[in-house]
């Protein structure tokens, strides 16, 4: 596992290469006919992997060092991508409509990704939990960029 300092050096300045990937285990992907798909939690436990996690005491000083004019380094989702996009670059904002609007006002650097080569994948919806008695009325906003296909 890399330390926070190693991670910071890798991501600031921008990283040129993809992050390190764990070795693929056929049982973990369900591609082995004789073994059922293994959960992520079980795979990490089996191989003694512990996901990296920064503490608040590490995050806040790092955040303060970031230039407000730092360009976006989003990697658009490829046109041949299949399945979930949860591991792809994106933003999720939750809370009141007013909070989401105030954050979106600070994320206008994403708007140029709506162009002939890439498109913005956006979703804005009310949280289903809003309907449960005693819960706040809340919303969820998702934002990702995707390459446009030849026919778009």
C-alpha atoms as a PDB file:
ATOM      1  CA  UNK A   1       0.000   0.000   0.000  1.00  0.00           C
ATOM      2  CA  UNK A   2       1.326   3.427  -0.897  1.00  0.00           C
ATOM      3  CA  UNK A   3       1.580   6.127   1.737  1.00  0.00           C
ATOM      4  CA  UNK A   4      -0.321   9.379   1.471  1.00  0.00           C
ATOM      5  CA  UNK A   5       2.903  11.200   0.579  1.00  0.00           C
ATOM      6  CA  UNK A   6       3.567   8.769  -2.272  1.00  0.00           C
ATOM      7  CA  UNK A   7      -0.019   9.199  -3.453  1.00  0.00           C
ATOM      8  CA  UNK A   8       0.269  12.988  -3.255  1.00  0.00           C
ATOM      9  CA  UNK A   9       3.443  12.971  -5.330  1.00  0.00           C
ATOM     10  CA  UNK A  10       1.718  10.779  -7.897  1.00  0.00           C
ATOM     11  CA  UNK A  11      -1.463  12.830  -8.276  1.00  0.00           C
ATOM     12  CA  UNK A  12      -0.032  16.342  -7.950  1.00  0.00           C
ATOM     13  CA  UNK A  13       1.322  17.160 -10.533  1.00  0.00           C
ATOM     14  CA  UNK A  14      -1.101  15.198 -12.749  1.00  0.00           C
ATOM     15  CA  UNK A  15      -0.416  11.513 -13.235  1.00  0.00           C
ATOM     16  CA  UNK A  16       0.514  10.384 -16.744  1.00  0.00           C
ATOM     17  CA  UNK A  17      -0.189   6.675 -16.233  1.00  0.00           C
ATOM     18  CA  UNK A  18      -3.121   4.707 -14.901  1.00  0.00           C
ATOM     19  CA  UNK A  19      -3.149   3.731 -11.228  1.00  0.00           C
ATOM     20  CA  UNK A  20      -1.795   0.375 -10.138  1.00  0.00           C
ATOM     21  CA  UNK A  21      -4.298  -2.431 -10.552  1.00  0.00           C
ATOM     22  CA  UNK A  22      -4.597  -5.503  -8.396  1.00  0.00           C
ATOM     23  CA  UNK A  23      -3.791  -8.806 -10.097  1.00  0.00           C
ATOM     24  CA  UNK A  24      -6.850 -10.370 -11.702  1.00  0.00           C
ATOM     25  CA  UNK A  25      -8.053 -13.583 -10.137  1.00  0.00           C
ATOM     26  CA  UNK A  26     -10.418 -15.633 -12.372  1.00  0.00           C
ATOM     27  CA  UNK A  27     -12.501 -16.500  -9.285  1.00  0.00           C
ATOM     28  CA  UNK A  28     -12.915 -12.812  -8.467  1.00  0.00           C
ATOM     29  CA  UNK A  29     -14.259 -12.008 -11.922  1.00  0.00           C
ATOM     30  CA  UNK A  30     -16.470 -15.082 -12.245  1.00  0.00           C
ATOM     31  CA  UNK A  31     -14.668 -16.084 -15.461  1.00  0.00           C
ATOM     32  CA  UNK A  32     -13.617 -19.449 -14.079  1.00  0.00           C
ATOM     33  CA  UNK A  33     -16.407 -21.982 -14.797  1.00  0.00           C
ATOM     34  CA  UNK A  34     -15.605 -24.055 -11.713  1.00  0.00           C
ATOM     35  CA  UNK A  35     -15.615 -21.156  -9.221  1.00  0.00           C
ATOM     36  CA  UNK A  36     -18.396 -18.677  -8.451  1.00  0.00           C
ATOM     37  CA  UNK A  37     -17.678 -14.950  -8.519  1.00  0.00           C
ATOM     38  CA  UNK A  38     -15.876 -13.792  -5.359  1.00  0.00           C
ATOM     39  CA  UNK A  39     -16.941 -10.573  -3.627  1.00  0.00           C
ATOM     40  CA  UNK A  40     -14.503  -7.662  -3.534  1.00  0.00           C
ATOM     41  CA  UNK A  41     -14.394  -7.886   0.262  1.00  0.00           C
ATOM     42  CA  UNK A  42     -13.508 -11.599   0.146  1.00  0.00           C
ATOM     43  CA  UNK A  43     -10.880 -11.053  -2.579  1.00  0.00           C
ATOM     44  CA  UNK A  44      -9.153  -8.303  -0.590  1.00  0.00           C
ATOM     45  CA  UNK A  45      -9.232 -10.442   2.568  1.00  0.00           C
ATOM     46  CA  UNK A  46      -7.879 -13.511   0.761  1.00  0.00           C
ATOM     47  CA  UNK A  47      -4.917 -11.572  -0.674  1.00  0.00           C
ATOM     48  CA  UNK A  48      -4.361  -9.441   2.439  1.00  0.00           C
ATOM     49  CA  UNK A  49      -4.963  -6.185   0.564  1.00  0.00           C
ATOM     50  CA  UNK A  50      -6.082  -3.142   2.487  1.00  0.00           C
ATOM     51  CA  UNK A  51      -7.500  -0.250   0.450  1.00  0.00           C
ATOM     52  CA  UNK A  52      -5.619   3.005   0.882  1.00  0.00           C
ATOM     53  CA  UNK A  53      -7.350   5.632   3.000  1.00  0.00           C
ATOM     54  CA  UNK A  54      -6.269   9.150   3.948  1.00  0.00           C
ATOM     55  CA  UNK A  55      -7.030  10.707   7.304  1.00  0.00           C
ATOM     56  CA  UNK A  56      -8.615  14.126   7.693  1.00  0.00           C
ATOM     57  CA  UNK A  57      -5.267  15.377   9.041  1.00  0.00           C
ATOM     58  CA  UNK A  58      -3.690  14.379   5.702  1.00  0.00           C
ATOM     59  CA  UNK A  59      -6.511  15.513   3.417  1.00  0.00           C
ATOM     60  CA  UNK A  60      -7.009  19.090   4.671  1.00  0.00           C
ATOM     61  CA  UNK A  61      -3.349  20.217   4.276  1.00  0.00           C
ATOM     62  CA  UNK A  62      -3.186  18.543   0.852  1.00  0.00           C
ATOM     63  CA  UNK A  63      -6.420  20.242  -0.210  1.00  0.00           C
ATOM     64  CA  UNK A  64      -5.056  23.618   0.878  1.00  0.00           C
ATOM     65  CA  UNK A  65      -1.990  23.196  -1.369  1.00  0.00           C
ATOM     66  CA  UNK A  66      -4.085  22.700  -4.515  1.00  0.00           C
ATOM     67  CA  UNK A  67      -4.207  25.659  -6.873  1.00  0.00           C
ATOM     68  CA  UNK A  68      -7.759  26.825  -7.627  1.00  0.00           C
ATOM     69  CA  UNK A  69      -6.750  27.091 -11.305  1.00  0.00           C
ATOM     70  CA  UNK A  70      -5.604  23.452 -11.554  1.00  0.00           C
ATOM     71  CA  UNK A  71      -6.945  22.043 -14.845  1.00  0.00           C
ATOM     72  CA  UNK A  72      -9.315  19.083 -14.787  1.00  0.00           C
ATOM     73  CA  UNK A  73      -7.693  15.731 -15.457  1.00  0.00           C
ATOM     74  CA  UNK A  74     -10.875  13.756 -16.085  1.00  0.00           C
ATOM     75  CA  UNK A  75     -10.548  10.658 -18.245  1.00  0.00           C
ATOM     76  CA  UNK A  76     -13.744  10.322 -20.332  1.00  0.00           C
ATOM     77  CA  UNK A  77     -15.383   6.900 -20.349  1.00  0.00           C
ATOM     78  CA  UNK A  78     -14.581   5.089 -23.594  1.00  0.00           C
ATOM     79  CA  UNK A  79     -17.301   4.303 -26.128  1.00  0.00           C
ATOM     80  CA  UNK A  80     -16.636   0.560 -25.807  1.00  0.00           C
ATOM     81  CA  UNK A  81     -17.095   0.575 -22.009  1.00  0.00           C
ATOM     82  CA  UNK A  82     -19.579  -1.995 -20.729  1.00  0.00           C
ATOM     83  CA  UNK A  83     -21.154  -2.333 -17.306  1.00  0.00           C
ATOM     84  CA  UNK A  84     -20.963  -0.087 -14.285  1.00  0.00           C
ATOM     85  CA  UNK A  85     -19.135   3.241 -14.416  1.00  0.00           C
ATOM     86  CA  UNK A  86     -18.621   3.427 -10.649  1.00  0.00           C
ATOM     87  CA  UNK A  87     -14.827   3.064 -11.050  1.00  0.00           C
ATOM     88  CA  UNK A  88     -14.611   5.739 -13.736  1.00  0.00           C
ATOM     89  CA  UNK A  89     -13.865   9.424 -13.128  1.00  0.00           C
ATOM     90  CA  UNK A  90     -16.931  11.284 -11.943  1.00  0.00           C
ATOM     91  CA  UNK A  91     -18.558  13.484  -9.339  1.00  0.00           C
ATOM     92  CA  UNK A  92     -21.428  12.691  -6.977  1.00  0.00           C
ATOM     93  CA  UNK A  93     -23.078  15.479  -4.999  1.00  0.00           C
ATOM     94  CA  UNK A  94     -25.793  14.814  -2.440  1.00  0.00           C
ATOM     95  CA  UNK A  95     -27.979  17.100  -0.356  1.00  0.00           C
ATOM     96  CA  UNK A  96     -30.484  19.891  -0.843  1.00  0.00           C
ATOM     97  CA  UNK A  97     -31.189  21.428  -4.258  1.00  0.00           C
ATOM     98  CA  UNK A  98     -29.622  24.664  -2.990  1.00  0.00           C
ATOM     99  CA  UNK A  99     -26.410  22.913  -1.946  1.00  0.00           C
ATOM    100  CA  UNK A 100     -26.131  21.031  -5.238  1.00  0.00           C
ATOM    101  CA  UNK A 101     -26.651  24.265  -7.203  1.00  0.00           C
ATOM    102  CA  UNK A 102     -23.965  26.054  -5.181  1.00  0.00           C
ATOM    103  CA  UNK A 103     -21.454  23.252  -5.837  1.00  0.00           C
ATOM    104  CA  UNK A 104     -22.354  23.060  -9.547  1.00  0.00           C
ATOM    105  CA  UNK A 105     -21.651  26.788  -9.821  1.00  0.00           C
ATOM    106  CA  UNK A 106     -18.049  25.935  -8.859  1.00  0.00           C
ATOM    107  CA  UNK A 107     -17.773  23.053 -11.333  1.00  0.00           C
ATOM    108  CA  UNK A 108     -18.248  24.927 -14.599  1.00  0.00           C
ATOM    109  CA  UNK A 109     -14.847  23.652 -15.798  1.00  0.00           C
ATOM    110  CA  UNK A 110     -16.710  20.449 -16.755  1.00  0.00           C
ATOM    111  CA  UNK A 111     -18.963  22.205 -19.300  1.00  0.00           C
ATOM    112  CA  UNK A 112     -16.385  22.181 -22.153  1.00  0.00           C
ATOM    113  CA  UNK A 113     -16.610  18.347 -22.082  1.00  0.00           C
ATOM    114  CA  UNK A 114     -19.996  18.722 -23.797  1.00  0.00           C
ATOM    115  CA  UNK A 115     -18.578  18.965 -27.314  1.00  0.00           C
ATOM    116  CA  UNK A 116     -18.404  17.009 -30.601  1.00  0.00           C
ATOM    117  CA  UNK A 117     -15.812  14.537 -29.164  1.00  0.00           C
ATOM    118  CA  UNK A 118     -17.145  14.018 -25.633  1.00  0.00           C
ATOM    119  CA  UNK A 119     -20.453  14.339 -23.860  1.00  0.00           C
ATOM    120  CA  UNK A 120     -21.438  14.905 -20.261  1.00  0.00           C
ATOM    121  CA  UNK A 121     -23.358  12.118 -18.585  1.00  0.00           C
ATOM    122  CA  UNK A 122     -25.501  13.796 -15.944  1.00  0.00           C
ATOM    123  CA  UNK A 123     -28.293  12.641 -13.661  1.00  0.00           C
ATOM    124  CA  UNK A 124     -30.172  14.691 -11.090  1.00  0.00           C
ATOM    125  CA  UNK A 125     -32.878  13.062  -9.011  1.00  0.00           C
ATOM    126  CA  UNK A 126     -34.642  13.062  -5.705  1.00  0.00           C
ATOM    127  CA  UNK A 127     -33.292  10.525  -3.235  1.00  0.00           C
ATOM    128  CA  UNK A 128     -35.724   7.642  -2.646  1.00  0.00           C
ATOM    129  CA  UNK A 129     -34.926   7.964   1.058  1.00  0.00           C
ATOM    130  CA  UNK A 130     -36.666  11.361   0.978  1.00  0.00           C
ATOM    131  CA  UNK A 131     -39.991   9.509   1.056  1.00  0.00           C
ATOM    132  CA  UNK A 132     -39.312   7.634   4.293  1.00  0.00           C
ATOM    133  CA  UNK A 133     -41.010   9.197   7.334  1.00  0.00           C
ATOM    134  CA  UNK A 134     -38.645  11.423   9.283  1.00  0.00           C
ATOM    135  CA  UNK A 135     -36.050  11.769   6.521  1.00  0.00           C
ATOM    136  CA  UNK A 136     -35.007  15.030   4.885  1.00  0.00           C
ATOM    137  CA  UNK A 137     -35.962  15.795   1.305  1.00  0.00           C
ATOM    138  CA  UNK A 138     -32.633  15.281  -0.494  1.00  0.00           C
ATOM    139  CA  UNK A 139     -31.256  14.987  -4.008  1.00  0.00           C
ATOM    140  CA  UNK A 140     -28.403  13.272  -5.854  1.00  0.00           C
ATOM    141  CA  UNK A 141     -26.428  14.681  -8.801  1.00  0.00           C
ATOM    142  CA  UNK A 142     -23.981  12.595 -10.858  1.00  0.00           C
ATOM    143  CA  UNK A 143     -21.523  13.883 -13.468  1.00  0.00           C
ATOM    144  CA  UNK A 144     -19.195  11.947 -15.780  1.00  0.00           C
ATOM    145  CA  UNK A 145     -17.682  12.555 -19.219  1.00  0.00           C
ATOM    146  CA  UNK A 146     -17.879  10.009 -22.031  1.00  0.00           C
ATOM    147  CA  UNK A 147     -16.376   9.793 -25.493  1.00  0.00           C
ATOM    148  CA  UNK A 148     -18.921  10.224 -28.279  1.00  0.00           C
ATOM    149  CA  UNK A 149     -19.371   7.363 -30.707  1.00  0.00           C
ATOM    150  CA  UNK A 150     -19.079   7.851 -34.488  1.00  0.00           C
ATOM    151  CA  UNK A 151     -22.874   8.039 -34.922  1.00  0.00           C
ATOM    152  CA  UNK A 152     -23.552  10.672 -32.207  1.00  0.00           C
END
